[in-house]
Amino acid sequence: MSKQIFEERSTVQRLKSEGAQELLSSLRGGVEYIQYRKDWDYYAQNRTQSEAPLQIILVTTTHCNLSCKMCSRNQLNSYAEEHMSMNIVNAIAEQAKELNVKSIWLTGGETLIHPEVSAMMRKLSEVGALDYWLVTNGIELTHDISEMLIDIPLTWISVSLDAATEETYKEIRGSDLSMVEKNIHTFLKLREKKKSELPLLRVSFVEMKENLHEKQTFIDKWEDVADIIDFQTLIKYKEDEVDGILDKKKKHPCGNAFRLLTVRPDGEILPCAYSRKDRTGRRSYVLSTTLKEYWNGAGYKEFLKQIQIENYSDDCKRCLKSFQSYS
């Protein structure tokens, strides 16, 4: 792993391999990849809508094989358990390809327990996105799954760990850290055996009172193994009182809605991965309203105007509160 630097990115403090983006540029289209990364920052920083969404986030399932104390599933207890159907996956793949979407991001729940995970991931690879991400807890990162992810190939596997020791992992995630670490190292050995440089590996750590004392230990454990280490701030989804939670002396810009869309397992389109409901004045589903129609619709344009003047929803305020940790 090449020399690392800390990089501040909204709710993320990133220990970054300087060579990671350079490697991806060389493997994923050169000039086109560099321009995509420039656009990714530009539209968020300037709060200007891109011509088409740069990224589509798929919440592939609300099912999970863990019960992590900080997860929105457990804080809110309001998600119906469902898997995204292949009809919805096929529609997203076709529409994303038409829009020349640059990034596909799969999250959950836990994507790797989706009953059609292989077919789903292969179909989405047909989009031809420059960036193709999977977020996983690593429990089901088996040899066969790892082989499939390398062969596609993804650009990134992001494993959520949140701990450096068995005791803390058990307290936060309720499972066996050594098993997950074994899966990660099996994946890395298989990647090496196949002489592949992709997918790159990110490990992530959501900071909370239970694990802050392990931050340096986490760095020491992974800095020569992972391509990127992310430290994320905790979003408290349960906070009922949102008035006054943001520091009024500071600006709280958010740029995500200007560059991406999220699709939930039932096909509902949302502006952001942290949204629990739509603010555009309508409920839209990808099988009846295309991503392009939603992105260019009057309701979404009005929604973005509200973001520009920082007229935020309660969900937005809860998320933005976490920004204050790194501002």
Protein backbone atom coordinates (compact mmCIF):
# COMPACT_ATOMS: atom_id res chain seq x y z
CA MET A 1 0.00 0.00 0.00
CA SER A 2 1.39 3.39 -0.93
CA LYS A 3 1.82 6.32 1.42
CA GLN A 4 -1.44 7.41 3.02
CA ILE A 5 -2.88 10.78 3.91
CA PHE A 6 -5.95 11.87 5.80
CA GLU A 7 -8.62 13.44 3.63
CA GLU A 8 -11.73 15.17 4.98
CA ARG A 9 -14.91 14.40 3.00
CA SER A 10 -18.14 15.56 4.66
CA THR A 11 -19.06 12.84 7.17
CA VAL A 12 -15.95 10.83 6.32
CA GLN A 13 -12.38 11.16 7.51
CA ARG A 14 -10.43 9.05 5.07
CA LEU A 15 -7.04 7.44 5.39
CA LYS A 16 -6.36 7.22 1.70
CA SER A 17 -3.90 5.35 -0.44
CA GLU A 18 -2.49 7.96 -2.79
CA GLY A 19 -2.33 5.41 -5.58
CA ALA A 20 -5.92 4.14 -5.41
CA GLN A 21 -7.56 6.72 -7.68
CA GLU A 22 -4.56 6.74 -10.02
CA LEU A 23 -4.84 2.97 -10.37
CA LEU A 24 -8.57 3.15 -11.06
CA SER A 25 -7.97 5.85 -13.64
CA SER A 26 -5.54 3.61 -15.50
CA LEU A 27 -7.89 0.61 -15.33
CA ARG A 28 -11.26 2.29 -15.88
CA GLY A 29 -11.04 4.64 -18.81
CA GLY A 30 -8.25 7.13 -18.16
CA VAL A 31 -9.43 10.62 -19.08
CA GLU A 32 -13.11 9.68 -18.70
CA TYR A 33 -12.53 8.42 -15.17
CA ILE A 34 -10.57 11.54 -14.20
CA GLN A 35 -13.38 13.75 -15.53
CA TYR A 36 -15.99 11.74 -13.64
CA ARG A 37 -14.10 12.28 -10.37
CA LYS A 38 -13.81 16.00 -11.10
CA ASP A 39 -17.53 16.16 -11.86
CA TRP A 40 -18.30 14.25 -8.66
CA ASP A 41 -16.70 17.00 -6.59
CA TYR A 42 -17.83 19.91 -8.78
CA TYR A 43 -21.59 19.32 -8.66
CA ALA A 44 -21.59 18.75 -4.90
CA GLN A 45 -19.37 21.71 -4.08
CA ASN A 46 -21.31 24.09 -6.32
CA ARG A 47 -24.73 22.59 -5.58
CA THR A 48 -25.48 22.49 -9.26
CA GLN A 49 -27.39 19.58 -10.78
CA SER A 50 -25.46 17.34 -13.16
CA GLU A 51 -27.01 16.64 -16.56
CA ALA A 52 -27.76 13.09 -15.43
CA PRO A 53 -27.17 11.39 -12.08
CA LEU A 54 -23.53 10.41 -11.74
CA GLN A 55 -24.37 7.63 -9.30
CA ILE A 56 -27.29 5.33 -8.62
CA ILE A 57 -27.44 3.77 -5.16
CA LEU A 58 -29.43 0.55 -4.99
CA VAL A 59 -30.75 -0.51 -1.61
CA THR A 60 -30.88 -4.12 -2.79
CA THR A 61 -32.54 -5.53 0.32
CA THR A 62 -33.70 -4.57 3.78
CA HIS A 63 -32.86 -8.05 5.09
CA CYS A 64 -29.68 -8.38 7.14
CA ASN A 65 -27.80 -11.14 8.96
CA LEU A 66 -26.55 -8.79 11.72
CA SER A 67 -28.22 -6.43 14.16
CA CYS A 68 -25.77 -3.54 14.54
CA LYS A 69 -26.70 -1.05 17.24
CA MET A 70 -26.06 2.07 15.11
CA CYS A 71 -27.92 0.90 11.97
CA SER A 72 -31.04 2.75 10.88
CA ARG A 73 -32.85 -0.62 10.66
CA ASN A 74 -32.54 -1.03 14.41
CA GLN A 75 -32.83 2.61 15.42
CA LEU A 76 -36.06 3.14 13.49
CA ASN A 77 -37.55 -0.36 13.43
CA SER A 78 -39.77 0.72 10.53
CA TYR A 79 -38.46 -1.09 7.47
CA ALA A 80 -40.49 -3.84 5.81
CA GLU A 81 -38.19 -6.74 4.98
CA GLU A 82 -37.96 -7.18 1.21
CA HIS A 83 -35.50 -7.97 -1.56
CA MET A 84 -35.28 -5.94 -4.77
CA SER A 85 -36.82 -7.97 -7.61
CA MET A 86 -34.95 -8.72 -10.82
CA ASN A 87 -37.64 -6.79 -12.72
CA ILE A 88 -36.57 -3.67 -10.83
CA VAL A 89 -32.87 -4.50 -11.19
CA ASN A 90 -33.30 -4.94 -14.96
CA ALA A 91 -35.14 -1.62 -15.26
CA ILE A 92 -32.45 0.22 -13.30
CA ALA A 93 -29.68 -1.37 -15.37
CA GLU A 94 -31.30 -0.40 -18.66
CA GLN A 95 -32.11 3.14 -17.54
CA ALA A 96 -28.69 3.70 -15.97
CA LYS A 97 -26.98 2.51 -19.14
CA GLU A 98 -29.08 4.92 -21.23
CA LEU A 99 -28.07 7.77 -18.89
CA ASN A 100 -24.38 6.75 -19.01
CA VAL A 101 -24.31 6.61 -15.21
CA LYS A 102 -20.73 6.60 -13.96
CA SER A 103 -21.18 4.86 -10.62
CA ILE A 104 -23.31 2.01 -9.29
CA TRP A 105 -23.39 1.53 -5.52
CA LEU A 106 -24.99 -1.52 -3.87
CA THR A 107 -25.98 -1.44 -0.24
CA GLY A 108 -28.63 -2.83 2.09
CA GLY A 109 -29.45 -4.42 4.52
CA GLU A 110 -26.87 -6.97 3.43
CA THR A 111 -26.61 -7.36 -0.35
CA LEU A 112 -24.78 -10.69 -0.20
CA ILE A 113 -27.82 -12.45 1.31
CA HIS A 114 -30.02 -11.40 -1.63
CA PRO A 115 -31.29 -14.69 -3.16
CA GLU A 116 -30.34 -13.56 -6.68
CA VAL A 117 -27.14 -11.73 -5.79
CA SER A 118 -25.06 -13.21 -8.62
CA ALA A 119 -27.62 -12.53 -11.36
CA MET A 120 -28.25 -9.05 -9.96
CA MET A 121 -24.60 -8.07 -9.86
CA ARG A 122 -23.85 -9.45 -13.30
CA LYS A 123 -26.83 -7.59 -14.77
CA LEU A 124 -25.72 -4.30 -13.21
CA SER A 125 -22.21 -4.80 -14.58
CA GLU A 126 -23.78 -4.36 -18.04
CA VAL A 127 -24.28 -0.68 -17.23
CA GLY A 128 -20.55 -0.26 -17.86
CA ALA A 129 -20.13 2.13 -14.92
CA LEU A 130 -16.64 3.40 -14.24
CA ASP A 131 -17.15 2.79 -10.51
CA TYR A 132 -19.00 -0.27 -9.20
CA TRP A 133 -19.26 -0.53 -5.42
CA LEU A 134 -20.50 -3.15 -2.99
CA VAL A 135 -21.01 -2.38 0.71
CA THR A 136 -21.08 -5.51 2.85
CA ASN A 137 -20.57 -6.66 6.42
CA GLY A 138 -18.37 -9.46 5.06
CA ILE A 139 -20.19 -12.34 6.79
CA GLU A 140 -21.10 -13.93 3.43
CA LEU A 141 -17.89 -12.94 1.62
CA THR A 142 -17.19 -16.59 0.81
CA HIS A 143 -14.63 -17.97 -1.64
CA ASP A 144 -17.29 -18.36 -4.37
CA ILE A 145 -18.72 -14.89 -3.77
CA SER A 146 -15.23 -13.36 -3.78
CA GLU A 147 -14.46 -15.11 -7.05
CA MET A 148 -17.65 -13.76 -8.61
CA LEU A 149 -16.88 -10.19 -7.46
CA ILE A 150 -13.35 -10.36 -8.85
CA ASP A 151 -14.52 -11.79 -12.18
CA ILE A 152 -17.21 -9.14 -12.78
CA PRO A 153 -15.09 -7.07 -11.75
CA LEU A 154 -16.24 -4.57 -9.16
CA THR A 155 -14.04 -1.57 -8.53
CA TRP A 156 -14.57 -1.56 -4.76
CA ILE A 157 -15.61 -3.85 -1.94
CA SER A 158 -16.35 -1.87 1.21
CA VAL A 159 -16.47 -3.96 4.39
CA SER A 160 -18.12 -2.36 7.41
CA LEU A 161 -16.20 -3.37 10.54
CA ASP A 162 -16.42 -0.62 13.20
CA ALA A 163 -14.02 -2.36 15.56
CA ALA A 164 -10.46 -3.61 15.94
CA THR A 165 -11.06 -6.23 18.63
CA GLU A 166 -13.40 -9.18 19.10
CA GLU A 167 -14.96 -7.69 22.22
CA THR A 168 -15.91 -4.36 20.64
CA TYR A 169 -17.09 -6.00 17.41
CA LYS A 170 -19.33 -8.32 19.43
CA GLU A 171 -20.75 -5.38 21.37
CA ILE A 172 -21.49 -3.29 18.26
CA ARG A 173 -22.25 -5.92 15.62
CA GLY A 174 -23.03 -9.02 17.64
CA SER A 175 -20.91 -11.42 15.59
CA ASP A 176 -17.43 -12.89 15.10
CA LEU A 177 -14.74 -10.47 13.90
CA SER A 178 -12.18 -13.21 13.26
CA MET A 179 -14.54 -14.88 10.77
CA VAL A 180 -15.01 -11.64 8.82
CA GLU A 181 -11.27 -10.92 8.84
CA LYS A 182 -10.64 -14.45 7.55
CA ASN A 183 -13.11 -13.81 4.71
CA ILE A 184 -11.36 -10.56 3.81
CA HIS A 185 -7.95 -12.22 3.68
CA THR A 186 -9.38 -15.08 1.60
CA PHE A 187 -10.70 -12.49 -0.85
CA LEU A 188 -7.29 -10.77 -0.99
CA LYS A 189 -5.45 -14.06 -1.59
CA LEU A 190 -7.88 -14.99 -4.35
CA ARG A 191 -7.49 -11.56 -5.97
CA GLU A 192 -3.73 -12.05 -5.92
CA LYS A 193 -4.01 -15.60 -7.31
CA LYS A 194 -6.14 -14.31 -10.17
CA LYS A 195 -3.57 -11.56 -10.80
CA SER A 196 -6.32 -8.96 -10.55
CA GLU A 197 -5.97 -5.47 -9.12
CA LEU A 198 -9.74 -5.12 -8.68
CA PRO A 199 -11.84 -4.88 -6.63
CA LEU A 200 -9.98 -2.53 -4.32
CA LEU A 201 -10.69 -2.92 -0.61
CA ARG A 202 -12.15 -0.30 1.70
CA VAL A 203 -12.72 -0.97 5.40
CA SER A 204 -14.97 1.38 7.36
CA PHE A 205 -15.39 2.37 10.99
CA VAL A 206 -18.39 4.36 12.25
CA GLU A 207 -17.15 6.35 15.24
CA MET A 208 -19.15 6.00 18.46
CA LYS A 209 -18.39 5.97 22.16
CA GLU A 210 -18.04 2.18 22.16
CA ASN A 211 -15.12 2.11 19.69
CA LEU A 212 -13.29 5.45 19.73
CA HIS A 213 -10.51 4.00 21.89
CA GLU A 214 -9.74 1.52 19.07
CA LYS A 215 -9.29 4.00 16.22
CA GLN A 216 -5.49 3.85 16.14
CA THR A 217 -5.51 0.08 16.58
CA PHE A 218 -7.86 -0.14 13.58
CA ILE A 219 -5.45 1.95 11.51
CA ASP A 220 -2.49 -0.18 12.58
CA LYS A 221 -4.37 -3.36 11.66
CA TRP A 222 -5.49 -2.28 8.19
CA GLU A 223 -3.12 0.39 6.86
CA ASP A 224 -0.92 -2.12 5.04
CA VAL A 225 -3.85 -4.26 3.91
CA ALA A 226 -6.75 -2.06 2.76
CA ASP A 227 -6.63 0.46 -0.08
CA ILE A 228 -8.75 2.96 1.84
CA ILE A 229 -9.74 3.22 5.50
CA ASP A 230 -12.83 5.33 6.22
CA PHE A 231 -13.87 6.77 9.57
CA GLN A 232 -17.50 7.86 9.45
CA THR A 233 -19.53 9.91 11.87
CA LEU A 234 -22.59 8.40 13.51
CA ILE A 235 -26.01 9.53 12.30
CA LYS A 236 -28.58 9.38 15.09
CA TYR A 237 -31.73 8.48 13.18
CA LYS A 238 -33.78 8.32 16.37
CA GLU A 239 -33.47 11.98 17.33
CA ASP A 240 -37.06 13.18 17.42
CA GLU A 241 -36.32 16.84 18.18
CA VAL A 242 -34.54 18.35 15.19
CA ASP A 243 -35.10 22.08 15.71
CA GLY A 244 -31.86 23.66 16.80
CA ILE A 245 -29.65 20.60 16.28
CA LEU A 246 -27.63 22.42 13.59
CA ASP A 247 -25.20 25.17 14.55
CA LYS A 248 -26.87 28.31 13.17
CA LYS A 249 -23.53 30.12 13.08
CA LYS A 250 -22.34 27.78 10.33
CA LYS A 251 -23.45 26.97 6.80
CA HIS A 252 -24.51 23.38 6.21
CA PRO A 253 -24.21 22.72 2.47
CA CYS A 254 -25.17 19.31 1.13
CA GLY A 255 -24.38 18.33 -2.42
CA ASN A 256 -25.41 14.68 -2.72
CA ALA A 257 -28.83 15.29 -4.26
CA PHE A 258 -27.19 17.21 -7.13
CA ARG A 259 -25.23 14.17 -8.30
CA LEU A 260 -27.03 10.94 -7.30
CA LEU A 261 -30.29 9.09 -6.81
CA THR A 262 -31.26 6.16 -4.58
CA VAL A 263 -33.66 3.32 -5.40
CA ARG A 264 -35.19 1.30 -2.57
CA PRO A 265 -36.01 -2.45 -2.79
CA ASP A 266 -39.61 -1.76 -3.87
CA GLY A 267 -38.38 0.48 -6.70
CA GLU A 268 -39.16 3.80 -5.04
CA ILE A 269 -36.79 6.56 -6.17
CA LEU A 270 -35.38 8.84 -3.48
CA PRO A 271 -33.01 11.80 -3.63
CA CYS A 272 -30.43 10.42 -1.22
CA ALA A 273 -29.30 7.28 0.60
CA TYR A 274 -30.20 8.91 3.93
CA SER A 275 -33.75 9.81 2.92
CA ARG A 276 -36.58 7.80 4.43
CA LYS A 277 -39.21 9.54 2.34
CA ASP A 278 -39.46 11.66 -0.77
CA ARG A 279 -39.61 15.46 -0.54
CA THR A 280 -40.48 16.17 -4.15
CA GLY A 281 -44.22 16.04 -3.52
CA ARG A 282 -44.83 12.67 -5.12
CA ARG A 283 -43.95 8.99 -4.78
CA SER A 284 -42.17 7.68 -7.84
CA TYR A 285 -41.24 4.11 -8.71
CA VAL A 286 -38.69 3.05 -11.28
CA LEU A 287 -41.09 0.69 -13.09
CA SER A 288 -43.49 3.55 -13.84
CA THR A 289 -41.29 6.68 -13.72
CA THR A 290 -37.84 6.43 -15.26
CA LEU A 291 -34.74 7.73 -13.52
CA LYS A 292 -34.41 10.29 -16.29
CA GLU A 293 -38.00 11.52 -15.84
CA TYR A 294 -37.55 11.79 -12.09
CA TRP A 295 -34.19 13.61 -12.39
CA ASN A 296 -35.58 16.14 -14.85
CA GLY A 297 -39.01 16.53 -13.25
CA ALA A 298 -40.33 19.82 -11.91
CA GLY A 299 -40.78 18.32 -8.45
CA TYR A 300 -37.13 17.33 -8.19
CA LYS A 301 -35.96 20.70 -9.51
CA GLU A 302 -37.98 22.39 -6.76
CA PHE A 303 -36.54 20.01 -4.19
CA LEU A 304 -33.01 21.02 -5.23
CA LYS A 305 -33.92 24.68 -4.85
CA GLN A 306 -34.87 23.99 -1.24
CA ILE A 307 -31.51 22.28 -0.68
CA GLN A 308 -29.70 25.29 -2.15
CA ILE A 309 -31.32 27.62 0.40
CA GLU A 310 -30.78 25.03 3.16
CA ASN A 311 -34.48 24.47 3.80
CA TYR A 312 -33.85 20.94 5.00
CA SER A 313 -36.15 18.07 5.97
CA ASP A 314 -35.83 16.43 9.37
CA ASP A 315 -33.91 13.55 7.81
CA CYS A 316 -31.47 16.02 6.27
CA LYS A 317 -30.97 17.80 9.59
CA ARG A 318 -30.16 14.57 11.39
CA CYS A 319 -27.62 13.66 8.71
CA LEU A 320 -26.10 17.14 8.54
CA LYS A 321 -25.65 17.22 12.29
CA SER A 322 -23.00 14.54 11.88
CA PHE A 323 -21.09 16.83 9.49
CA GLN A 324 -20.33 19.11 12.42
CA SER A 325 -17.85 16.58 13.81
CA TYR A 326 -15.43 17.21 10.95
CA SER A 327 -16.21 20.86 10.13
